[in-house]
Amino acid sequence: ELVYVRNALHALPQTERLKLFKRAD
C-alpha cells in the first residue's frame, strides 16, 4: 500500500502534488 501511494504521488505532475500538499517542504 505504501509503495502504491508513493508511486501514485510520483506519477502526478509537480503542480498537482503542490495542490495536495500546499507546501513543497
PDBML (XML) file of the C-alpha atoms, coordinates in Angstrom:
<?xml version="1.0" encoding="UTF-8" ?>
<PDBx:datablock datablockName="MODEL"
   xmlns:PDBx="http://pdbml.pdb.org/schema/pdbx-v50.xsd"
   xmlns:xsi="http://www.w3.org/2001/XMLSchema-instance"
   xsi:schemaLocation="http://pdbml.pdb.org/schema/pdbx-v50.xsd pdbx-v50.xsd">
   <PDBx:atom_siteCategory>
      <PDBx:atom_site id="1">
         <PDBx:B_iso_or_equiv>0.00</PDBx:B_iso_or_equiv>
         <PDBx:Cartn_x>0.000</PDBx:Cartn_x>
         <PDBx:Cartn_y>0.000</PDBx:Cartn_y>
         <PDBx:Cartn_z>0.000</PDBx:Cartn_z>
         <PDBx:auth_asym_id>A</PDBx:auth_asym_id>
         <PDBx:auth_atom_id>CA</PDBx:auth_atom_id>
         <PDBx:auth_comp_id>GLU</PDBx:auth_comp_id>
         <PDBx:auth_seq_id>1</PDBx:auth_seq_id>
         <PDBx:group_PDB>ATOM</PDBx:group_PDB>
         <PDBx:label_alt_id xsi:nil="true" />
         <PDBx:label_asym_id>A</PDBx:label_asym_id>
         <PDBx:label_atom_id>CA</PDBx:label_atom_id>
         <PDBx:label_comp_id>GLU</PDBx:label_comp_id>
         <PDBx:label_entity_id>1</PDBx:label_entity_id>
         <PDBx:label_seq_id>1</PDBx:label_seq_id>
         <PDBx:occupancy>1.00</PDBx:occupancy>
         <PDBx:pdbx_PDB_model_num>1</PDBx:pdbx_PDB_model_num>
         <PDBx:type_symbol>C</PDBx:type_symbol>
      </PDBx:atom_site>
      <PDBx:atom_site id="2">
         <PDBx:B_iso_or_equiv>0.00</PDBx:B_iso_or_equiv>
         <PDBx:Cartn_x>2.822</PDBx:Cartn_x>
         <PDBx:Cartn_y>2.420</PDBx:Cartn_y>
         <PDBx:Cartn_z>0.833</PDBx:Cartn_z>
         <PDBx:auth_asym_id>A</PDBx:auth_asym_id>
         <PDBx:auth_atom_id>CA</PDBx:auth_atom_id>
         <PDBx:auth_comp_id>LEU</PDBx:auth_comp_id>
         <PDBx:auth_seq_id>2</PDBx:auth_seq_id>
         <PDBx:group_PDB>ATOM</PDBx:group_PDB>
         <PDBx:label_alt_id xsi:nil="true" />
         <PDBx:label_asym_id>A</PDBx:label_asym_id>
         <PDBx:label_atom_id>CA</PDBx:label_atom_id>
         <PDBx:label_comp_id>LEU</PDBx:label_comp_id>
         <PDBx:label_entity_id>1</PDBx:label_entity_id>
         <PDBx:label_seq_id>2</PDBx:label_seq_id>
         <PDBx:occupancy>1.00</PDBx:occupancy>
         <PDBx:pdbx_PDB_model_num>1</PDBx:pdbx_PDB_model_num>
         <PDBx:type_symbol>C</PDBx:type_symbol>
      </PDBx:atom_site>
      <PDBx:atom_site id="3">
         <PDBx:B_iso_or_equiv>0.00</PDBx:B_iso_or_equiv>
         <PDBx:Cartn_x>4.567</PDBx:Cartn_x>
         <PDBx:Cartn_y>1.643</PDBx:Cartn_y>
         <PDBx:Cartn_z>-2.452</PDBx:Cartn_z>
         <PDBx:auth_asym_id>A</PDBx:auth_asym_id>
         <PDBx:auth_atom_id>CA</PDBx:auth_atom_id>
         <PDBx:auth_comp_id>VAL</PDBx:auth_comp_id>
         <PDBx:auth_seq_id>3</PDBx:auth_seq_id>
         <PDBx:group_PDB>ATOM</PDBx:group_PDB>
         <PDBx:label_alt_id xsi:nil="true" />
         <PDBx:label_asym_id>A</PDBx:label_asym_id>
         <PDBx:label_atom_id>CA</PDBx:label_atom_id>
         <PDBx:label_comp_id>VAL</PDBx:label_comp_id>
         <PDBx:label_entity_id>1</PDBx:label_entity_id>
         <PDBx:label_seq_id>3</PDBx:label_seq_id>
         <PDBx:occupancy>1.00</PDBx:occupancy>
         <PDBx:pdbx_PDB_model_num>1</PDBx:pdbx_PDB_model_num>
         <PDBx:type_symbol>C</PDBx:type_symbol>
      </PDBx:atom_site>
      <PDBx:atom_site id="4">
         <PDBx:B_iso_or_equiv>0.00</PDBx:B_iso_or_equiv>
         <PDBx:Cartn_x>1.283</PDBx:Cartn_x>
         <PDBx:Cartn_y>2.225</PDBx:Cartn_y>
         <PDBx:Cartn_z>-4.303</PDBx:Cartn_z>
         <PDBx:auth_asym_id>A</PDBx:auth_asym_id>
         <PDBx:auth_atom_id>CA</PDBx:auth_atom_id>
         <PDBx:auth_comp_id>TYR</PDBx:auth_comp_id>
         <PDBx:auth_seq_id>4</PDBx:auth_seq_id>
         <PDBx:group_PDB>ATOM</PDBx:group_PDB>
         <PDBx:label_alt_id xsi:nil="true" />
         <PDBx:label_asym_id>A</PDBx:label_asym_id>
         <PDBx:label_atom_id>CA</PDBx:label_atom_id>
         <PDBx:label_comp_id>TYR</PDBx:label_comp_id>
         <PDBx:label_entity_id>1</PDBx:label_entity_id>
         <PDBx:label_seq_id>4</PDBx:label_seq_id>
         <PDBx:occupancy>1.00</PDBx:occupancy>
         <PDBx:pdbx_PDB_model_num>1</PDBx:pdbx_PDB_model_num>
         <PDBx:type_symbol>C</PDBx:type_symbol>
      </PDBx:atom_site>
      <PDBx:atom_site id="5">
         <PDBx:B_iso_or_equiv>0.00</PDBx:B_iso_or_equiv>
         <PDBx:Cartn_x>0.769</PDBx:Cartn_x>
         <PDBx:Cartn_y>5.622</PDBx:Cartn_y>
         <PDBx:Cartn_z>-2.619</PDBx:Cartn_z>
         <PDBx:auth_asym_id>A</PDBx:auth_asym_id>
         <PDBx:auth_atom_id>CA</PDBx:auth_atom_id>
         <PDBx:auth_comp_id>VAL</PDBx:auth_comp_id>
         <PDBx:auth_seq_id>5</PDBx:auth_seq_id>
         <PDBx:group_PDB>ATOM</PDBx:group_PDB>
         <PDBx:label_alt_id xsi:nil="true" />
         <PDBx:label_asym_id>A</PDBx:label_asym_id>
         <PDBx:label_atom_id>CA</PDBx:label_atom_id>
         <PDBx:label_comp_id>VAL</PDBx:label_comp_id>
         <PDBx:label_entity_id>1</PDBx:label_entity_id>
         <PDBx:label_seq_id>5</PDBx:label_seq_id>
         <PDBx:occupancy>1.00</PDBx:occupancy>
         <PDBx:pdbx_PDB_model_num>1</PDBx:pdbx_PDB_model_num>
         <PDBx:type_symbol>C</PDBx:type_symbol>
      </PDBx:atom_site>
      <PDBx:atom_site id="6">
         <PDBx:B_iso_or_equiv>0.00</PDBx:B_iso_or_equiv>
         <PDBx:Cartn_x>4.365</PDBx:Cartn_x>
         <PDBx:Cartn_y>6.668</PDBx:Cartn_y>
         <PDBx:Cartn_z>-3.267</PDBx:Cartn_z>
         <PDBx:auth_asym_id>A</PDBx:auth_asym_id>
         <PDBx:auth_atom_id>CA</PDBx:auth_atom_id>
         <PDBx:auth_comp_id>ARG</PDBx:auth_comp_id>
         <PDBx:auth_seq_id>6</PDBx:auth_seq_id>
         <PDBx:group_PDB>ATOM</PDBx:group_PDB>
         <PDBx:label_alt_id xsi:nil="true" />
         <PDBx:label_asym_id>A</PDBx:label_asym_id>
         <PDBx:label_atom_id>CA</PDBx:label_atom_id>
         <PDBx:label_comp_id>ARG</PDBx:label_comp_id>
         <PDBx:label_entity_id>1</PDBx:label_entity_id>
         <PDBx:label_seq_id>6</PDBx:label_seq_id>
         <PDBx:occupancy>1.00</PDBx:occupancy>
         <PDBx:pdbx_PDB_model_num>1</PDBx:pdbx_PDB_model_num>
         <PDBx:type_symbol>C</PDBx:type_symbol>
      </PDBx:atom_site>
      <PDBx:atom_site id="7">
         <PDBx:B_iso_or_equiv>0.00</PDBx:B_iso_or_equiv>
         <PDBx:Cartn_x>4.201</PDBx:Cartn_x>
         <PDBx:Cartn_y>5.653</PDBx:Cartn_y>
         <PDBx:Cartn_z>-6.920</PDBx:Cartn_z>
         <PDBx:auth_asym_id>A</PDBx:auth_asym_id>
         <PDBx:auth_atom_id>CA</PDBx:auth_atom_id>
         <PDBx:auth_comp_id>ASN</PDBx:auth_comp_id>
         <PDBx:auth_seq_id>7</PDBx:auth_seq_id>
         <PDBx:group_PDB>ATOM</PDBx:group_PDB>
         <PDBx:label_alt_id xsi:nil="true" />
         <PDBx:label_asym_id>A</PDBx:label_asym_id>
         <PDBx:label_atom_id>CA</PDBx:label_atom_id>
         <PDBx:label_comp_id>ASN</PDBx:label_comp_id>
         <PDBx:label_entity_id>1</PDBx:label_entity_id>
         <PDBx:label_seq_id>7</PDBx:label_seq_id>
         <PDBx:occupancy>1.00</PDBx:occupancy>
         <PDBx:pdbx_PDB_model_num>1</PDBx:pdbx_PDB_model_num>
         <PDBx:type_symbol>C</PDBx:type_symbol>
      </PDBx:atom_site>
      <PDBx:atom_site id="8">
         <PDBx:B_iso_or_equiv>0.00</PDBx:B_iso_or_equiv>
         <PDBx:Cartn_x>0.862</PDBx:Cartn_x>
         <PDBx:Cartn_y>7.405</PDBx:Cartn_y>
         <PDBx:Cartn_z>-7.406</PDBx:Cartn_z>
         <PDBx:auth_asym_id>A</PDBx:auth_asym_id>
         <PDBx:auth_atom_id>CA</PDBx:auth_atom_id>
         <PDBx:auth_comp_id>ALA</PDBx:auth_comp_id>
         <PDBx:auth_seq_id>8</PDBx:auth_seq_id>
         <PDBx:group_PDB>ATOM</PDBx:group_PDB>
         <PDBx:label_alt_id xsi:nil="true" />
         <PDBx:label_asym_id>A</PDBx:label_asym_id>
         <PDBx:label_atom_id>CA</PDBx:label_atom_id>
         <PDBx:label_comp_id>ALA</PDBx:label_comp_id>
         <PDBx:label_entity_id>1</PDBx:label_entity_id>
         <PDBx:label_seq_id>8</PDBx:label_seq_id>
         <PDBx:occupancy>1.00</PDBx:occupancy>
         <PDBx:pdbx_PDB_model_num>1</PDBx:pdbx_PDB_model_num>
         <PDBx:type_symbol>C</PDBx:type_symbol>
      </PDBx:atom_site>
      <PDBx:atom_site id="9">
         <PDBx:B_iso_or_equiv>0.00</PDBx:B_iso_or_equiv>
         <PDBx:Cartn_x>2.308</PDBx:Cartn_x>
         <PDBx:Cartn_y>10.610</PDBx:Cartn_y>
         <PDBx:Cartn_z>-5.965</PDBx:Cartn_z>
         <PDBx:auth_asym_id>A</PDBx:auth_asym_id>
         <PDBx:auth_atom_id>CA</PDBx:auth_atom_id>
         <PDBx:auth_comp_id>LEU</PDBx:auth_comp_id>
         <PDBx:auth_seq_id>9</PDBx:auth_seq_id>
         <PDBx:group_PDB>ATOM</PDBx:group_PDB>
         <PDBx:label_alt_id xsi:nil="true" />
         <PDBx:label_asym_id>A</PDBx:label_asym_id>
         <PDBx:label_atom_id>CA</PDBx:label_atom_id>
         <PDBx:label_comp_id>LEU</PDBx:label_comp_id>
         <PDBx:label_entity_id>1</PDBx:label_entity_id>
         <PDBx:label_seq_id>9</PDBx:label_seq_id>
         <PDBx:occupancy>1.00</PDBx:occupancy>
         <PDBx:pdbx_PDB_model_num>1</PDBx:pdbx_PDB_model_num>
         <PDBx:type_symbol>C</PDBx:type_symbol>
      </PDBx:atom_site>
      <PDBx:atom_site id="10">
         <PDBx:B_iso_or_equiv>0.00</PDBx:B_iso_or_equiv>
         <PDBx:Cartn_x>5.421</PDBx:Cartn_x>
         <PDBx:Cartn_y>10.371</PDBx:Cartn_y>
         <PDBx:Cartn_z>-8.090</PDBx:Cartn_z>
         <PDBx:auth_asym_id>A</PDBx:auth_asym_id>
         <PDBx:auth_atom_id>CA</PDBx:auth_atom_id>
         <PDBx:auth_comp_id>HIS</PDBx:auth_comp_id>
         <PDBx:auth_seq_id>10</PDBx:auth_seq_id>
         <PDBx:group_PDB>ATOM</PDBx:group_PDB>
         <PDBx:label_alt_id xsi:nil="true" />
         <PDBx:label_asym_id>A</PDBx:label_asym_id>
         <PDBx:label_atom_id>CA</PDBx:label_atom_id>
         <PDBx:label_comp_id>HIS</PDBx:label_comp_id>
         <PDBx:label_entity_id>1</PDBx:label_entity_id>
         <PDBx:label_seq_id>10</PDBx:label_seq_id>
         <PDBx:occupancy>1.00</PDBx:occupancy>
         <PDBx:pdbx_PDB_model_num>1</PDBx:pdbx_PDB_model_num>
         <PDBx:type_symbol>C</PDBx:type_symbol>
      </PDBx:atom_site>
      <PDBx:atom_site id="11">
         <PDBx:B_iso_or_equiv>0.00</PDBx:B_iso_or_equiv>
         <PDBx:Cartn_x>3.240</PDBx:Cartn_x>
         <PDBx:Cartn_y>9.965</PDBx:Cartn_y>
         <PDBx:Cartn_z>-11.189</PDBx:Cartn_z>
         <PDBx:auth_asym_id>A</PDBx:auth_asym_id>
         <PDBx:auth_atom_id>CA</PDBx:auth_atom_id>
         <PDBx:auth_comp_id>ALA</PDBx:auth_comp_id>
         <PDBx:auth_seq_id>11</PDBx:auth_seq_id>
         <PDBx:group_PDB>ATOM</PDBx:group_PDB>
         <PDBx:label_alt_id xsi:nil="true" />
         <PDBx:label_asym_id>A</PDBx:label_asym_id>
         <PDBx:label_atom_id>CA</PDBx:label_atom_id>
         <PDBx:label_comp_id>ALA</PDBx:label_comp_id>
         <PDBx:label_entity_id>1</PDBx:label_entity_id>
         <PDBx:label_seq_id>11</PDBx:label_seq_id>
         <PDBx:occupancy>1.00</PDBx:occupancy>
         <PDBx:pdbx_PDB_model_num>1</PDBx:pdbx_PDB_model_num>
         <PDBx:type_symbol>C</PDBx:type_symbol>
      </PDBx:atom_site>
      <PDBx:atom_site id="12">
         <PDBx:B_iso_or_equiv>0.00</PDBx:B_iso_or_equiv>
         <PDBx:Cartn_x>1.422</PDBx:Cartn_x>
         <PDBx:Cartn_y>13.246</PDBx:Cartn_y>
         <PDBx:Cartn_z>-10.509</PDBx:Cartn_z>
         <PDBx:auth_asym_id>A</PDBx:auth_asym_id>
         <PDBx:auth_atom_id>CA</PDBx:auth_atom_id>
         <PDBx:auth_comp_id>LEU</PDBx:auth_comp_id>
         <PDBx:auth_seq_id>12</PDBx:auth_seq_id>
         <PDBx:group_PDB>ATOM</PDBx:group_PDB>
         <PDBx:label_alt_id xsi:nil="true" />
         <PDBx:label_asym_id>A</PDBx:label_asym_id>
         <PDBx:label_atom_id>CA</PDBx:label_atom_id>
         <PDBx:label_comp_id>LEU</PDBx:label_comp_id>
         <PDBx:label_entity_id>1</PDBx:label_entity_id>
         <PDBx:label_seq_id>12</PDBx:label_seq_id>
         <PDBx:occupancy>1.00</PDBx:occupancy>
         <PDBx:pdbx_PDB_model_num>1</PDBx:pdbx_PDB_model_num>
         <PDBx:type_symbol>C</PDBx:type_symbol>
      </PDBx:atom_site>
      <PDBx:atom_site id="13">
         <PDBx:B_iso_or_equiv>0.00</PDBx:B_iso_or_equiv>
         <PDBx:Cartn_x>2.749</PDBx:Cartn_x>
         <PDBx:Cartn_y>16.431</PDBx:Cartn_y>
         <PDBx:Cartn_z>-12.079</PDBx:Cartn_z>
         <PDBx:auth_asym_id>A</PDBx:auth_asym_id>
         <PDBx:auth_atom_id>CA</PDBx:auth_atom_id>
         <PDBx:auth_comp_id>PRO</PDBx:auth_comp_id>
         <PDBx:auth_seq_id>13</PDBx:auth_seq_id>
         <PDBx:group_PDB>ATOM</PDBx:group_PDB>
         <PDBx:label_alt_id xsi:nil="true" />
         <PDBx:label_asym_id>A</PDBx:label_asym_id>
         <PDBx:label_atom_id>CA</PDBx:label_atom_id>
         <PDBx:label_comp_id>PRO</PDBx:label_comp_id>
         <PDBx:label_entity_id>1</PDBx:label_entity_id>
         <PDBx:label_seq_id>13</PDBx:label_seq_id>
         <PDBx:occupancy>1.00</PDBx:occupancy>
         <PDBx:pdbx_PDB_model_num>1</PDBx:pdbx_PDB_model_num>
         <PDBx:type_symbol>C</PDBx:type_symbol>
      </PDBx:atom_site>
      <PDBx:atom_site id="14">
         <PDBx:B_iso_or_equiv>0.00</PDBx:B_iso_or_equiv>
         <PDBx:Cartn_x>4.501</PDBx:Cartn_x>
         <PDBx:Cartn_y>18.778</PDBx:Cartn_y>
         <PDBx:Cartn_z>-9.665</PDBx:Cartn_z>
         <PDBx:auth_asym_id>A</PDBx:auth_asym_id>
         <PDBx:auth_atom_id>CA</PDBx:auth_atom_id>
         <PDBx:auth_comp_id>GLN</PDBx:auth_comp_id>
         <PDBx:auth_seq_id>14</PDBx:auth_seq_id>
         <PDBx:group_PDB>ATOM</PDBx:group_PDB>
         <PDBx:label_alt_id xsi:nil="true" />
         <PDBx:label_asym_id>A</PDBx:label_asym_id>
         <PDBx:label_atom_id>CA</PDBx:label_atom_id>
         <PDBx:label_comp_id>GLN</PDBx:label_comp_id>
         <PDBx:label_entity_id>1</PDBx:label_entity_id>
         <PDBx:label_seq_id>14</PDBx:label_seq_id>
         <PDBx:occupancy>1.00</PDBx:occupancy>
         <PDBx:pdbx_PDB_model_num>1</PDBx:pdbx_PDB_model_num>
         <PDBx:type_symbol>C</PDBx:type_symbol>
      </PDBx:atom_site>
      <PDBx:atom_site id="15">
         <PDBx:B_iso_or_equiv>0.00</PDBx:B_iso_or_equiv>
         <PDBx:Cartn_x>1.607</PDBx:Cartn_x>
         <PDBx:Cartn_y>21.252</PDBx:Cartn_y>
         <PDBx:Cartn_z>-9.802</PDBx:Cartn_z>
         <PDBx:auth_asym_id>A</PDBx:auth_asym_id>
         <PDBx:auth_atom_id>CA</PDBx:auth_atom_id>
         <PDBx:auth_comp_id>THR</PDBx:auth_comp_id>
         <PDBx:auth_seq_id>15</PDBx:auth_seq_id>
         <PDBx:group_PDB>ATOM</PDBx:group_PDB>
         <PDBx:label_alt_id xsi:nil="true" />
         <PDBx:label_asym_id>A</PDBx:label_asym_id>
         <PDBx:label_atom_id>CA</PDBx:label_atom_id>
         <PDBx:label_comp_id>THR</PDBx:label_comp_id>
         <PDBx:label_entity_id>1</PDBx:label_entity_id>
         <PDBx:label_seq_id>15</PDBx:label_seq_id>
         <PDBx:occupancy>1.00</PDBx:occupancy>
         <PDBx:pdbx_PDB_model_num>1</PDBx:pdbx_PDB_model_num>
         <PDBx:type_symbol>C</PDBx:type_symbol>
      </PDBx:atom_site>
      <PDBx:atom_site id="16">
         <PDBx:B_iso_or_equiv>0.00</PDBx:B_iso_or_equiv>
         <PDBx:Cartn_x>-0.888</PDBx:Cartn_x>
         <PDBx:Cartn_y>18.578</PDBx:Cartn_y>
         <PDBx:Cartn_z>-8.717</PDBx:Cartn_z>
         <PDBx:auth_asym_id>A</PDBx:auth_asym_id>
         <PDBx:auth_atom_id>CA</PDBx:auth_atom_id>
         <PDBx:auth_comp_id>GLU</PDBx:auth_comp_id>
         <PDBx:auth_seq_id>16</PDBx:auth_seq_id>
         <PDBx:group_PDB>ATOM</PDBx:group_PDB>
         <PDBx:label_alt_id xsi:nil="true" />
         <PDBx:label_asym_id>A</PDBx:label_asym_id>
         <PDBx:label_atom_id>CA</PDBx:label_atom_id>
         <PDBx:label_comp_id>GLU</PDBx:label_comp_id>
         <PDBx:label_entity_id>1</PDBx:label_entity_id>
         <PDBx:label_seq_id>16</PDBx:label_seq_id>
         <PDBx:occupancy>1.00</PDBx:occupancy>
         <PDBx:pdbx_PDB_model_num>1</PDBx:pdbx_PDB_model_num>
         <PDBx:type_symbol>C</PDBx:type_symbol>
      </PDBx:atom_site>
      <PDBx:atom_site id="17">
         <PDBx:B_iso_or_equiv>0.00</PDBx:B_iso_or_equiv>
         <PDBx:Cartn_x>1.378</PDBx:Cartn_x>
         <PDBx:Cartn_y>17.493</PDBx:Cartn_y>
         <PDBx:Cartn_z>-5.862</PDBx:Cartn_z>
         <PDBx:auth_asym_id>A</PDBx:auth_asym_id>
         <PDBx:auth_atom_id>CA</PDBx:auth_atom_id>
         <PDBx:auth_comp_id>ARG</PDBx:auth_comp_id>
         <PDBx:auth_seq_id>17</PDBx:auth_seq_id>
         <PDBx:group_PDB>ATOM</PDBx:group_PDB>
         <PDBx:label_alt_id xsi:nil="true" />
         <PDBx:label_asym_id>A</PDBx:label_asym_id>
         <PDBx:label_atom_id>CA</PDBx:label_atom_id>
         <PDBx:label_comp_id>ARG</PDBx:label_comp_id>
         <PDBx:label_entity_id>1</PDBx:label_entity_id>
         <PDBx:label_seq_id>17</PDBx:label_seq_id>
         <PDBx:occupancy>1.00</PDBx:occupancy>
         <PDBx:pdbx_PDB_model_num>1</PDBx:pdbx_PDB_model_num>
         <PDBx:type_symbol>C</PDBx:type_symbol>
      </PDBx:atom_site>
      <PDBx:atom_site id="18">
         <PDBx:B_iso_or_equiv>0.00</PDBx:B_iso_or_equiv>
         <PDBx:Cartn_x>1.632</PDBx:Cartn_x>
         <PDBx:Cartn_y>21.086</PDBx:Cartn_y>
         <PDBx:Cartn_z>-4.676</PDBx:Cartn_z>
         <PDBx:auth_asym_id>A</PDBx:auth_asym_id>
         <PDBx:auth_atom_id>CA</PDBx:auth_atom_id>
         <PDBx:auth_comp_id>LEU</PDBx:auth_comp_id>
         <PDBx:auth_seq_id>18</PDBx:auth_seq_id>
         <PDBx:group_PDB>ATOM</PDBx:group_PDB>
         <PDBx:label_alt_id xsi:nil="true" />
         <PDBx:label_asym_id>A</PDBx:label_asym_id>
         <PDBx:label_atom_id>CA</PDBx:label_atom_id>
         <PDBx:label_comp_id>LEU</PDBx:label_comp_id>
         <PDBx:label_entity_id>1</PDBx:label_entity_id>
         <PDBx:label_seq_id>18</PDBx:label_seq_id>
         <PDBx:occupancy>1.00</PDBx:occupancy>
         <PDBx:pdbx_PDB_model_num>1</PDBx:pdbx_PDB_model_num>
         <PDBx:type_symbol>C</PDBx:type_symbol>
      </PDBx:atom_site>
      <PDBx:atom_site id="19">
         <PDBx:B_iso_or_equiv>0.00</PDBx:B_iso_or_equiv>
         <PDBx:Cartn_x>-2.189</PDBx:Cartn_x>
         <PDBx:Cartn_y>21.349</PDBx:Cartn_y>
         <PDBx:Cartn_z>-4.706</PDBx:Cartn_z>
         <PDBx:auth_asym_id>A</PDBx:auth_asym_id>
         <PDBx:auth_atom_id>CA</PDBx:auth_atom_id>
         <PDBx:auth_comp_id>LYS</PDBx:auth_comp_id>
         <PDBx:auth_seq_id>19</PDBx:auth_seq_id>
         <PDBx:group_PDB>ATOM</PDBx:group_PDB>
         <PDBx:label_alt_id xsi:nil="true" />
         <PDBx:label_asym_id>A</PDBx:label_asym_id>
         <PDBx:label_atom_id>CA</PDBx:label_atom_id>
         <PDBx:label_comp_id>LYS</PDBx:label_comp_id>
         <PDBx:label_entity_id>1</PDBx:label_entity_id>
         <PDBx:label_seq_id>19</PDBx:label_seq_id>
         <PDBx:occupancy>1.00</PDBx:occupancy>
         <PDBx:pdbx_PDB_model_num>1</PDBx:pdbx_PDB_model_num>
         <PDBx:type_symbol>C</PDBx:type_symbol>
      </PDBx:atom_site>
      <PDBx:atom_site id="20">
         <PDBx:B_iso_or_equiv>0.00</PDBx:B_iso_or_equiv>
         <PDBx:Cartn_x>-2.388</PDBx:Cartn_x>
         <PDBx:Cartn_y>18.274</PDBx:Cartn_y>
         <PDBx:Cartn_z>-2.477</PDBx:Cartn_z>
         <PDBx:auth_asym_id>A</PDBx:auth_asym_id>
         <PDBx:auth_atom_id>CA</PDBx:auth_atom_id>
         <PDBx:auth_comp_id>LEU</PDBx:auth_comp_id>
         <PDBx:auth_seq_id>20</PDBx:auth_seq_id>
         <PDBx:group_PDB>ATOM</PDBx:group_PDB>
         <PDBx:label_alt_id xsi:nil="true" />
         <PDBx:label_asym_id>A</PDBx:label_asym_id>
         <PDBx:label_atom_id>CA</PDBx:label_atom_id>
         <PDBx:label_comp_id>LEU</PDBx:label_comp_id>
         <PDBx:label_entity_id>1</PDBx:label_entity_id>
         <PDBx:label_seq_id>20</PDBx:label_seq_id>
         <PDBx:occupancy>1.00</PDBx:occupancy>
         <PDBx:pdbx_PDB_model_num>1</PDBx:pdbx_PDB_model_num>
         <PDBx:type_symbol>C</PDBx:type_symbol>
      </PDBx:atom_site>
      <PDBx:atom_site id="21">
         <PDBx:B_iso_or_equiv>0.00</PDBx:B_iso_or_equiv>
         <PDBx:Cartn_x>0.354</PDBx:Cartn_x>
         <PDBx:Cartn_y>19.292</PDBx:Cartn_y>
         <PDBx:Cartn_z>-0.060</PDBx:Cartn_z>
         <PDBx:auth_asym_id>A</PDBx:auth_asym_id>
         <PDBx:auth_atom_id>CA</PDBx:auth_atom_id>
         <PDBx:auth_comp_id>PHE</PDBx:auth_comp_id>
         <PDBx:auth_seq_id>21</PDBx:auth_seq_id>
         <PDBx:group_PDB>ATOM</PDBx:group_PDB>
         <PDBx:label_alt_id xsi:nil="true" />
         <PDBx:label_asym_id>A</PDBx:label_asym_id>
         <PDBx:label_atom_id>CA</PDBx:label_atom_id>
         <PDBx:label_comp_id>PHE</PDBx:label_comp_id>
         <PDBx:label_entity_id>1</PDBx:label_entity_id>
         <PDBx:label_seq_id>21</PDBx:label_seq_id>
         <PDBx:occupancy>1.00</PDBx:occupancy>
         <PDBx:pdbx_PDB_model_num>1</PDBx:pdbx_PDB_model_num>
         <PDBx:type_symbol>C</PDBx:type_symbol>
      </PDBx:atom_site>
      <PDBx:atom_site id="22">
         <PDBx:B_iso_or_equiv>0.00</PDBx:B_iso_or_equiv>
         <PDBx:Cartn_x>0.365</PDBx:Cartn_x>
         <PDBx:Cartn_y>23.114</PDBx:Cartn_y>
         <PDBx:Cartn_z>-0.323</PDBx:Cartn_z>
         <PDBx:auth_asym_id>A</PDBx:auth_asym_id>
         <PDBx:auth_atom_id>CA</PDBx:auth_atom_id>
         <PDBx:auth_comp_id>LYS</PDBx:auth_comp_id>
         <PDBx:auth_seq_id>22</PDBx:auth_seq_id>
         <PDBx:group_PDB>ATOM</PDBx:group_PDB>
         <PDBx:label_alt_id xsi:nil="true" />
         <PDBx:label_asym_id>A</PDBx:label_asym_id>
         <PDBx:label_atom_id>CA</PDBx:label_atom_id>
         <PDBx:label_comp_id>LYS</PDBx:label_comp_id>
         <PDBx:label_entity_id>1</PDBx:label_entity_id>
         <PDBx:label_seq_id>22</PDBx:label_seq_id>
         <PDBx:occupancy>1.00</PDBx:occupancy>
         <PDBx:pdbx_PDB_model_num>1</PDBx:pdbx_PDB_model_num>
         <PDBx:type_symbol>C</PDBx:type_symbol>
      </PDBx:atom_site>
      <PDBx:atom_site id="23">
         <PDBx:B_iso_or_equiv>0.00</PDBx:B_iso_or_equiv>
         <PDBx:Cartn_x>3.981</PDBx:Cartn_x>
         <PDBx:Cartn_y>23.346</PDBx:Cartn_y>
         <PDBx:Cartn_z>0.868</PDBx:Cartn_z>
         <PDBx:auth_asym_id>A</PDBx:auth_asym_id>
         <PDBx:auth_atom_id>CA</PDBx:auth_atom_id>
         <PDBx:auth_comp_id>ARG</PDBx:auth_comp_id>
         <PDBx:auth_seq_id>23</PDBx:auth_seq_id>
         <PDBx:group_PDB>ATOM</PDBx:group_PDB>
         <PDBx:label_alt_id xsi:nil="true" />
         <PDBx:label_asym_id>A</PDBx:label_asym_id>
         <PDBx:label_atom_id>CA</PDBx:label_atom_id>
         <PDBx:label_comp_id>ARG</PDBx:label_comp_id>
         <PDBx:label_entity_id>1</PDBx:label_entity_id>
         <PDBx:label_seq_id>23</PDBx:label_seq_id>
         <PDBx:occupancy>1.00</PDBx:occupancy>
         <PDBx:pdbx_PDB_model_num>1</PDBx:pdbx_PDB_model_num>
         <PDBx:type_symbol>C</PDBx:type_symbol>
      </PDBx:atom_site>
      <PDBx:atom_site id="24">
         <PDBx:B_iso_or_equiv>0.00</PDBx:B_iso_or_equiv>
         <PDBx:Cartn_x>6.865</PDBx:Cartn_x>
         <PDBx:Cartn_y>21.808</PDBx:Cartn_y>
         <PDBx:Cartn_z>-1.058</PDBx:Cartn_z>
         <PDBx:auth_asym_id>A</PDBx:auth_asym_id>
         <PDBx:auth_atom_id>CA</PDBx:auth_atom_id>
         <PDBx:auth_comp_id>ALA</PDBx:auth_comp_id>
         <PDBx:auth_seq_id>24</PDBx:auth_seq_id>
         <PDBx:group_PDB>ATOM</PDBx:group_PDB>
         <PDBx:label_alt_id xsi:nil="true" />
         <PDBx:label_asym_id>A</PDBx:label_asym_id>
         <PDBx:label_atom_id>CA</PDBx:label_atom_id>
         <PDBx:label_comp_id>ALA</PDBx:label_comp_id>
         <PDBx:label_entity_id>1</PDBx:label_entity_id>
         <PDBx:label_seq_id>24</PDBx:label_seq_id>
         <PDBx:occupancy>1.00</PDBx:occupancy>
         <PDBx:pdbx_PDB_model_num>1</PDBx:pdbx_PDB_model_num>
         <PDBx:type_symbol>C</PDBx:type_symbol>
      </PDBx:atom_site>
      <PDBx:atom_site id="25">
         <PDBx:B_iso_or_equiv>0.00</PDBx:B_iso_or_equiv>
         <PDBx:Cartn_x>8.972</PDBx:Cartn_x>
         <PDBx:Cartn_y>21.223</PDBx:Cartn_y>
         <PDBx:Cartn_z>2.074</PDBx:Cartn_z>
         <PDBx:auth_asym_id>A</PDBx:auth_asym_id>
         <PDBx:auth_atom_id>CA</PDBx:auth_atom_id>
         <PDBx:auth_comp_id>ASP</PDBx:auth_comp_id>
         <PDBx:auth_seq_id>25</PDBx:auth_seq_id>
         <PDBx:group_PDB>ATOM</PDBx:group_PDB>
         <PDBx:label_alt_id xsi:nil="true" />
         <PDBx:label_asym_id>A</PDBx:label_asym_id>
         <PDBx:label_atom_id>CA</PDBx:label_atom_id>
         <PDBx:label_comp_id>ASP</PDBx:label_comp_id>
         <PDBx:label_entity_id>1</PDBx:label_entity_id>
         <PDBx:label_seq_id>25</PDBx:label_seq_id>
         <PDBx:occupancy>1.00</PDBx:occupancy>
         <PDBx:pdbx_PDB_model_num>1</PDBx:pdbx_PDB_model_num>
         <PDBx:type_symbol>C</PDBx:type_symbol>
      </PDBx:atom_site>
   </PDBx:atom_siteCategory>
</PDBx:datablock>
